[in-house]
Protein backbone atom coordinates (compact mmCIF):
# COMPACT_ATOMS: atom_id res chain seq x y z
CA MET A 1 -46.04 -56.20 29.23
CA ALA A 2 -48.51 -53.43 30.39
CA TYR A 3 -47.23 -51.74 33.53
CA THR A 4 -49.48 -51.09 36.52
CA TYR A 5 -49.46 -48.63 39.04
CA ALA A 6 -50.80 -48.90 43.02
CA PRO A 7 -53.36 -46.15 43.09
CA GLU A 8 -50.73 -44.03 45.19
CA GLU A 9 -48.34 -44.32 42.49
CA MET A 10 -50.56 -43.07 40.22
CA LEU A 11 -51.86 -40.06 42.20
CA ALA A 12 -47.87 -39.55 41.88
CA ARG A 13 -47.67 -39.73 38.35
CA LEU A 14 -50.76 -37.16 37.97
CA VAL A 15 -49.80 -34.57 40.40
CA ALA A 16 -46.78 -34.08 38.79
CA PHE A 17 -48.52 -32.80 35.64
CA GLU A 18 -48.87 -29.27 36.44
CA THR A 19 -52.68 -28.83 34.62
CA VAL A 20 -53.45 -25.59 36.28
CA VAL A 21 -57.13 -24.39 35.09
CA GLY A 22 -56.57 -22.94 31.80
CA HIS A 23 -53.33 -24.32 30.69
CA SER A 24 -52.29 -26.96 28.88
CA ASN A 25 -53.36 -30.30 29.83
CA ALA A 26 -51.67 -32.18 26.94
CA GLU A 27 -48.70 -33.70 28.79
CA LEU A 28 -51.56 -35.58 31.34
CA ILE A 29 -53.65 -37.13 28.87
CA ASP A 30 -50.76 -38.25 26.59
CA PHE A 31 -49.77 -40.02 30.06
CA VAL A 32 -53.13 -41.40 30.22
CA LYS A 33 -53.49 -42.21 26.70
CA GLY A 34 -50.09 -44.48 26.62
CA TYR A 35 -51.43 -46.28 29.95
CA LEU A 36 -54.98 -47.05 28.10
CA SER A 37 -53.07 -48.17 25.10
CA ASP A 38 -50.91 -50.93 27.25
CA HIS A 39 -54.09 -52.50 28.77
CA GLY A 40 -56.02 -52.42 25.37
CA VAL A 41 -58.68 -49.80 26.22
CA ALA A 42 -60.34 -48.26 23.81
CA PHE A 43 -60.21 -44.13 24.11
CA HIS A 44 -61.08 -41.08 22.29
CA VAL A 45 -59.35 -37.84 22.87
CA LEU A 46 -61.73 -34.75 22.32
CA PRO A 47 -60.00 -31.32 21.76
CA GLY A 48 -61.47 -27.97 22.89
CA PRO A 49 -61.53 -25.33 20.73
CA GLU A 50 -58.37 -23.87 22.93
CA GLY A 51 -56.45 -26.13 21.32
CA ASP A 52 -53.92 -26.74 24.16
CA ARG A 53 -56.62 -28.85 25.97
CA PHE A 54 -58.36 -31.85 26.01
CA ASN A 55 -60.92 -34.31 27.01
CA LEU A 56 -60.77 -38.15 27.36
CA PHE A 57 -63.12 -40.73 26.86
CA ALA A 58 -62.52 -44.14 27.60
CA THR A 59 -65.05 -47.14 27.66
CA ILE A 60 -64.13 -50.66 29.27
CA GLY A 61 -66.86 -53.46 27.80
CA ASP A 62 -68.89 -53.04 25.18
CA PRO A 63 -69.74 -49.34 24.08
CA ALA A 64 -73.09 -50.53 22.67
CA ARG A 65 -74.59 -51.22 25.51
CA PRO A 66 -76.05 -48.59 28.16
CA GLY A 67 -73.10 -48.44 31.10
CA TYR A 68 -71.48 -46.09 33.70
CA VAL A 69 -69.66 -43.13 33.26
CA LEU A 70 -66.61 -42.55 36.44
CA SER A 71 -65.95 -38.86 35.75
CA GLY A 72 -63.73 -36.46 36.83
CA HIS A 73 -61.64 -33.04 35.84
CA VAL A 74 -57.68 -32.70 35.48
CA ASP A 75 -57.15 -29.59 36.06
CA VAL A 76 -56.50 -27.90 39.38
CA VAL A 77 -56.32 -24.62 40.92
CA PRO A 78 -52.85 -22.60 41.03
CA ALA A 79 -50.59 -23.22 43.79
CA GLY A 80 -49.21 -20.14 44.61
CA GLU A 81 -49.76 -20.08 48.49
CA PRO A 82 -46.56 -19.54 50.29
CA ASP A 83 -47.67 -21.85 53.01
CA TRP A 84 -46.77 -24.92 50.83
CA LEU A 85 -44.30 -26.58 52.85
CA GLY A 86 -42.58 -28.49 49.53
CA ASP A 87 -43.34 -28.68 46.08
CA PRO A 88 -47.29 -28.58 45.63
CA PHE A 89 -46.28 -30.55 42.44
CA ALA A 90 -44.23 -33.22 43.92
CA LEU A 91 -46.59 -35.83 46.03
CA ARG A 92 -45.92 -36.25 49.47
CA GLU A 93 -46.50 -38.43 52.50
CA ALA A 94 -46.56 -37.47 56.12
CA GLY A 95 -48.68 -39.15 58.81
CA GLY A 96 -50.77 -41.07 56.41
CA LYS A 97 -51.63 -37.91 54.15
CA LEU A 98 -50.61 -38.03 50.52
CA ILE A 99 -50.04 -33.93 50.03
CA GLY A 100 -50.09 -32.17 46.71
CA ARG A 101 -52.41 -30.04 44.44
CA GLY A 102 -55.41 -31.73 43.61
CA ALA A 103 -54.91 -34.80 45.43
CA CYS A 104 -58.14 -33.95 47.08
CA ASP A 105 -59.90 -31.92 44.17
CA MET A 106 -60.05 -33.84 42.01
CA LYS A 107 -57.17 -36.20 41.11
CA GLY A 108 -57.17 -38.72 43.73
CA PHE A 109 -60.48 -40.06 42.14
CA ASP A 110 -58.95 -40.26 38.69
CA ALA A 111 -55.84 -42.15 40.17
CA ALA A 112 -58.09 -44.62 41.54
CA VAL A 113 -60.38 -45.16 38.69
CA LEU A 114 -56.99 -45.23 36.64
CA ALA A 115 -55.28 -47.82 39.06
CA ALA A 116 -58.30 -49.86 38.80
CA VAL A 117 -57.96 -50.22 34.94
CA PRO A 118 -56.00 -53.69 34.80
CA GLU A 119 -58.40 -55.30 37.31
CA LEU A 120 -61.69 -53.80 35.31
CA CYS A 121 -59.85 -55.22 31.83
CA ALA A 122 -60.02 -58.59 33.40
CA MET A 123 -63.93 -58.56 34.16
CA ASP A 124 -66.85 -59.40 31.73
CA LEU A 125 -68.34 -56.68 32.52
CA SER A 126 -72.20 -57.07 31.42
CA GLN A 127 -72.26 -53.12 31.13
CA PRO A 128 -69.28 -50.89 30.09
CA LEU A 129 -67.63 -48.62 32.35
CA HIS A 130 -66.59 -45.37 30.48
CA ILE A 131 -64.04 -42.97 32.09
CA ALA A 132 -63.93 -39.29 31.41
CA LEU A 133 -61.53 -37.05 32.19
CA SER A 134 -62.44 -33.09 31.53
CA TYR A 135 -60.51 -29.94 31.35
CA ASP A 136 -61.27 -26.52 32.99
CA GLU A 137 -63.80 -27.51 35.27
CA GLU A 138 -62.31 -24.92 37.73
CA ALA A 139 -63.48 -22.19 35.13
CA GLY A 140 -66.79 -22.86 35.45
CA CYS A 141 -67.02 -26.38 33.52
CA LYS A 142 -65.80 -25.61 30.54
CA GLY A 143 -64.36 -28.31 28.88
CA VAL A 144 -67.10 -31.11 29.68
CA PRO A 145 -69.54 -29.49 27.40
CA HIS A 146 -67.65 -30.31 24.76
CA LEU A 147 -67.39 -34.11 25.44
CA LEU A 148 -71.10 -34.47 26.35
CA ALA A 149 -71.63 -32.74 22.78
CA ALA A 150 -69.64 -35.84 21.17
CA LEU A 151 -70.96 -38.34 23.29
CA PRO A 152 -73.71 -39.89 21.68
CA GLU A 153 -70.90 -40.78 18.85
CA LEU A 154 -69.02 -42.82 21.42
CA CYS A 155 -71.22 -44.54 23.21
CA ALA A 156 -74.75 -45.67 24.04
CA ARG A 157 -76.38 -43.21 26.51
CA PRO A 158 -75.24 -44.40 29.57
CA ALA A 159 -77.57 -45.55 32.59
CA GLY A 160 -75.62 -43.11 35.19
CA CYS A 161 -72.34 -41.05 35.88
CA ILE A 162 -70.51 -41.20 39.25
CA VAL A 163 -68.59 -37.56 39.39
CA GLY A 164 -65.97 -38.18 41.76
CA GLU A 165 -65.68 -34.70 43.57
CA PRO A 166 -64.78 -35.02 46.95
CA THR A 167 -67.55 -35.98 49.67
CA GLY A 168 -66.02 -38.66 51.94
CA LEU A 169 -66.93 -41.38 49.60
CA THR A 170 -70.72 -40.61 50.55
CA PRO A 171 -73.19 -40.43 47.76
CA VAL A 172 -74.33 -37.20 47.22
CA LEU A 173 -77.62 -36.14 45.40
CA ALA A 174 -77.74 -32.49 44.95
CA HIS A 175 -75.97 -29.66 44.05
CA LYS A 176 -77.25 -25.72 42.84
CA GLY A 177 -76.59 -24.44 39.83
CA LYS A 178 -74.30 -21.55 39.06
CA ALA A 179 -73.76 -18.66 36.58
CA ALA A 180 -71.23 -15.98 36.60
CA VAL A 181 -70.96 -12.73 34.67
CA ARG A 182 -68.46 -10.02 33.91
CA PHE A 183 -70.24 -6.68 33.87
CA SER A 184 -67.70 -4.01 32.00
CA ALA A 185 -68.13 -0.52 31.98
CA HIS A 186 -66.54 1.87 29.54
CA GLY A 187 -66.11 5.85 30.17
CA ARG A 188 -63.92 8.50 28.79
CA SER A 189 -61.04 9.52 30.90
CA GLY A 190 -60.25 13.07 32.22
CA HIS A 191 -59.34 15.30 34.71
CA SER A 192 -61.73 15.00 37.93
CA SER A 193 -62.05 18.90 38.22
CA ARG A 194 -63.85 18.56 34.80
CA PRO A 195 -66.37 15.39 34.98
CA ASP A 196 -68.35 17.52 32.14
CA LEU A 197 -65.71 16.35 29.65
CA GLY A 198 -65.62 13.02 30.79
CA SER A 199 -67.73 9.94 31.51
CA ASN A 200 -66.64 7.49 34.59
CA ALA A 201 -67.18 4.44 34.12
CA ILE A 202 -67.40 3.20 38.03
CA HIS A 203 -70.46 5.60 38.07
CA ALA A 204 -71.83 3.33 35.26
CA LEU A 205 -71.50 0.11 37.21
CA VAL A 206 -73.69 1.60 40.21
CA PRO A 207 -77.49 0.50 38.68
CA VAL A 208 -75.88 -2.66 38.46
CA LEU A 209 -74.22 -3.36 41.57
CA ALA A 210 -77.58 -1.89 43.30
CA ALA A 211 -79.46 -4.28 41.45
CA ALA A 212 -77.40 -6.82 42.70
CA CYS A 213 -77.64 -5.93 46.34
CA THR A 214 -81.54 -5.87 46.28
CA GLN A 215 -81.76 -8.97 44.18
CA ALA A 216 -79.06 -10.98 46.67
CA GLU A 217 -81.66 -9.59 49.81
CA ASN A 218 -84.92 -10.76 48.03
CA LEU A 219 -83.62 -14.11 47.08
CA GLN A 220 -83.79 -14.55 50.73
CA SER A 221 -87.65 -14.54 51.03
CA GLY A 222 -87.90 -16.74 47.39
CA PRO A 223 -88.02 -20.27 46.85
CA GLN A 224 -86.38 -22.59 49.43
CA ASP A 225 -85.01 -26.30 49.75
CA ASP A 226 -83.94 -26.64 53.15
CA ARG A 227 -81.45 -29.49 51.72
CA PHE A 228 -79.12 -26.49 51.13
CA GLN A 229 -77.36 -24.52 53.11
CA PRO A 230 -78.52 -21.62 52.81
CA SER A 231 -81.88 -22.97 51.47
CA TRP A 232 -82.36 -20.01 48.87
CA SER A 233 -80.47 -19.29 45.87
CA SER A 234 -78.36 -16.47 46.27
CA LEU A 235 -76.14 -13.84 44.52
CA GLN A 236 -72.73 -11.92 45.27
CA ILE A 237 -70.77 -9.67 43.91
CA GLY A 238 -67.67 -11.26 44.01
CA THR A 239 -64.76 -8.91 42.38
CA ILE A 240 -64.84 -4.99 41.48
CA ALA A 241 -62.14 -3.26 39.68
CA GLY A 242 -61.71 0.25 38.24
CA GLY A 243 -59.84 3.59 38.31
CA GLN A 244 -56.20 4.93 38.43
CA ALA A 245 -56.33 7.65 41.00
CA ILE A 246 -58.51 9.56 43.01
CA ASN A 247 -58.40 12.47 40.46
CA ILE A 248 -58.77 10.92 37.06
CA ILE A 249 -62.19 10.36 36.12
CA PRO A 250 -62.00 6.32 35.92
CA GLU A 251 -62.37 5.14 31.76
CA GLN A 252 -62.57 1.45 32.69
CA ALA A 253 -64.37 -0.39 35.42
CA GLU A 254 -65.61 -4.41 36.22
CA ALA A 255 -68.02 -6.10 38.54
CA ARG A 256 -68.04 -10.29 38.31
CA ILE A 257 -71.45 -11.11 39.56
CA GLU A 258 -72.49 -15.01 40.62
CA ALA A 259 -75.63 -16.68 41.05
CA ARG A 260 -76.31 -20.08 42.88
CA ALA A 261 -79.68 -21.45 41.95
CA ILE A 262 -81.56 -24.24 43.87
CA ASP A 263 -82.63 -27.02 42.02
CA GLY A 264 -86.06 -25.53 40.09
CA VAL A 265 -84.37 -21.99 39.53
CA ALA A 266 -82.07 -21.28 36.59
CA PRO A 267 -79.14 -19.64 37.50
CA GLN A 268 -79.67 -17.32 34.51
CA ASP A 269 -82.63 -16.06 35.89
CA VAL A 270 -81.20 -15.52 39.38
CA LEU A 271 -79.06 -13.02 37.09
CA ALA A 272 -81.40 -11.64 34.90
CA PRO A 273 -82.84 -8.30 37.04
CA VAL A 274 -78.91 -7.47 37.30
CA ILE A 275 -78.50 -7.80 33.61
CA ALA A 276 -81.54 -5.57 33.25
CA ALA A 277 -79.96 -2.99 34.99
CA ALA A 278 -76.94 -2.69 32.84
CA GLY A 279 -77.06 0.72 30.46
CA GLU A 280 -76.07 1.06 27.16
CA ASP A 281 -72.27 1.88 28.69
CA VAL A 282 -72.03 -1.53 30.31
CA SER A 283 -71.10 -4.90 28.19
CA VAL A 284 -72.59 -7.95 29.71
CA GLU A 285 -70.23 -11.24 29.10
CA TRP A 286 -71.26 -14.88 30.54
CA LEU A 287 -68.11 -16.30 32.01
CA SER A 288 -69.78 -20.06 32.69
CA SER A 289 -73.03 -21.69 34.08
CA TYR A 290 -74.02 -25.24 35.08
CA PRO A 291 -77.29 -26.22 36.22
CA ALA A 292 -78.23 -27.65 39.36
CA LEU A 293 -78.58 -31.28 40.35
CA ALA A 294 -81.21 -33.13 41.80
CA LEU A 295 -81.28 -37.34 41.82
CA ASP A 296 -84.15 -38.77 43.75
CA ARG A 297 -82.93 -40.95 46.76
CA GLY A 298 -84.95 -44.01 45.49
CA HIS A 299 -83.31 -43.80 41.74
CA PRO A 300 -81.16 -47.23 40.69
CA LEU A 301 -78.13 -45.16 40.95
CA ALA A 302 -78.54 -44.36 43.93
CA GLU A 303 -79.08 -47.64 45.66
CA MET A 304 -76.28 -49.03 43.19
CA VAL A 305 -73.67 -45.97 44.82
CA GLU A 306 -75.21 -46.44 48.26
CA ALA A 307 -74.20 -50.40 47.93
CA VAL A 308 -70.72 -49.90 46.27
CA SER A 309 -69.43 -47.41 48.61
CA GLY A 310 -70.67 -48.47 51.82
CA ARG A 311 -72.69 -45.36 52.65
CA GLU A 312 -76.26 -43.86 52.88
CA ALA A 313 -76.89 -41.33 50.32
CA LEU A 314 -76.59 -36.81 51.70
CA GLY A 315 -79.22 -35.18 50.58
CA ALA A 316 -77.25 -32.30 48.91
CA VAL A 317 -73.88 -29.77 49.13
CA SER A 318 -73.29 -26.22 48.79
CA PHE A 319 -70.41 -26.94 45.85
CA GLY A 320 -71.09 -27.34 42.29
CA THR A 321 -69.97 -29.87 39.99
CA GLU A 322 -70.11 -31.34 36.60
CA ALA A 323 -72.73 -33.70 37.52
CA GLY A 324 -75.69 -31.01 36.62
CA LEU A 325 -74.29 -31.24 33.05
CA PHE A 326 -74.26 -34.76 32.90
CA GLN A 327 -77.75 -34.98 34.35
CA ALA A 328 -78.90 -31.96 31.56
CA ALA A 329 -77.26 -34.43 28.77
CA GLY A 330 -79.87 -37.51 30.05
CA ILE A 331 -77.55 -39.01 32.28
CA PRO A 332 -78.70 -39.55 35.71
CA SER A 333 -75.70 -38.28 37.94
CA ILE A 334 -74.38 -38.33 41.73
CA ILE A 335 -71.53 -37.06 43.04
CA CYS A 336 -69.26 -39.54 45.28
CA GLY A 337 -65.59 -39.24 45.93
CA PRO A 338 -62.58 -39.23 48.21
CA GLY A 339 -61.51 -36.62 50.70
CA ASP A 340 -63.11 -33.66 51.86
CA ILE A 341 -64.07 -30.56 49.96
CA ALA A 342 -63.02 -28.28 53.07
CA ARG A 343 -59.23 -29.18 52.28
CA ALA A 344 -59.53 -28.08 48.24
CA HIS A 345 -57.99 -24.62 46.90
CA ARG A 346 -55.71 -24.75 50.05
CA PRO A 347 -52.07 -24.70 50.74
CA GLU A 348 -51.15 -28.20 51.44
CA GLU A 349 -53.93 -30.08 50.29
CA TYR A 350 -54.20 -33.61 50.82
CA LEU A 351 -56.02 -37.19 50.23
CA THR A 352 -55.20 -39.81 53.24
CA ARG A 353 -53.86 -43.05 51.86
CA ASP A 354 -56.65 -44.61 53.28
CA GLU A 355 -59.24 -42.29 51.72
CA LEU A 356 -57.57 -43.07 48.31
CA ARG A 357 -57.61 -46.76 48.79
CA GLY A 358 -61.28 -46.94 49.65
CA ALA A 359 -62.06 -45.02 46.13
CA PHE A 360 -60.04 -47.63 44.77
CA ASP A 361 -62.10 -50.66 46.24
CA MET A 362 -65.41 -48.75 45.63
CA VAL A 363 -64.39 -48.70 41.87
CA VAL A 364 -63.39 -52.42 42.05
CA ARG A 365 -66.86 -53.29 43.99
CA LEU A 366 -68.77 -51.42 40.89
CA GLY A 367 -66.93 -53.14 38.65
CA ARG A 368 -67.59 -56.32 39.96
CA ARG A 369 -71.49 -55.72 40.29
CA LEU A 370 -71.12 -55.33 36.50
CA ALA A 371 -69.24 -58.38 35.86
CA VAL A 372 -71.20 -61.34 34.26
């Protein structure tokens, strides 16, 4: 007999897998494979080029009909902070809080969806529900593009996608796009008393850094979208490193710069003036990118998710998600999941028991809405 899990039990199982971004998620995917197999759910495991990370795509219902995707990533950020009061990869409860790395971002939604599988399988769905689990979202949505590339061979084009990032179960219609670039400068080391015999890699980065500061200021008077805070596209120098000592000419230097763009502005275009400032001694490497999300408030997907969540849609959020990539693949998308993004990427990350149950109930209501 197939084993069923309460949402809390499923969350405990998922949190126990240390699926830190950039590392293998094979054990978690194997667990989900076994669970879905026990319930007779068809699925596809889609390896990424890394070799040790996998996307998973499962379907309940007829894949030949347009259905709805329930999408979540299974990777989490590292949990090395000293302020954890217990093992971050062993779910514990305190005062109604379910505490563990990824509980909020976003294994809570994943757990709610997977725990609902037995109930969904018992329904006669007129449109299928798909479960999409991706890897390395926290590294700039690196895993889901491989899933999206395979999707036309797996099912009819979905009618919509719900990405379950933490929004307090409030449907969210829009987010900014993002792109990140690494600028690496290569010089020639030597004694600082003879700069004529060396080549300073940090100096080579200065035009790039100056262009970034200028562009960041110029964007404030550029296109605006009042749904966001701030209402303009933004750019920042996130990290910079280089040099060994004050009396050594730096041989290597690196800066990482990101752009976040409002709808209608490509984040790659925001970075273009900065890239143009890179000289011949500076190499440019794109680290990640994903487009903005924008769904009309009157779209049928928005109306449906408002109905099953019981909450009116919110215009926009500041953080980014995989929803923009689903939208770019021709699948209308919306964000709606349990928890609060302010708890993510912090020690003692948590989801409340009520929030988890609320997500589970929302998924079941969605299934009933699609049932014949």
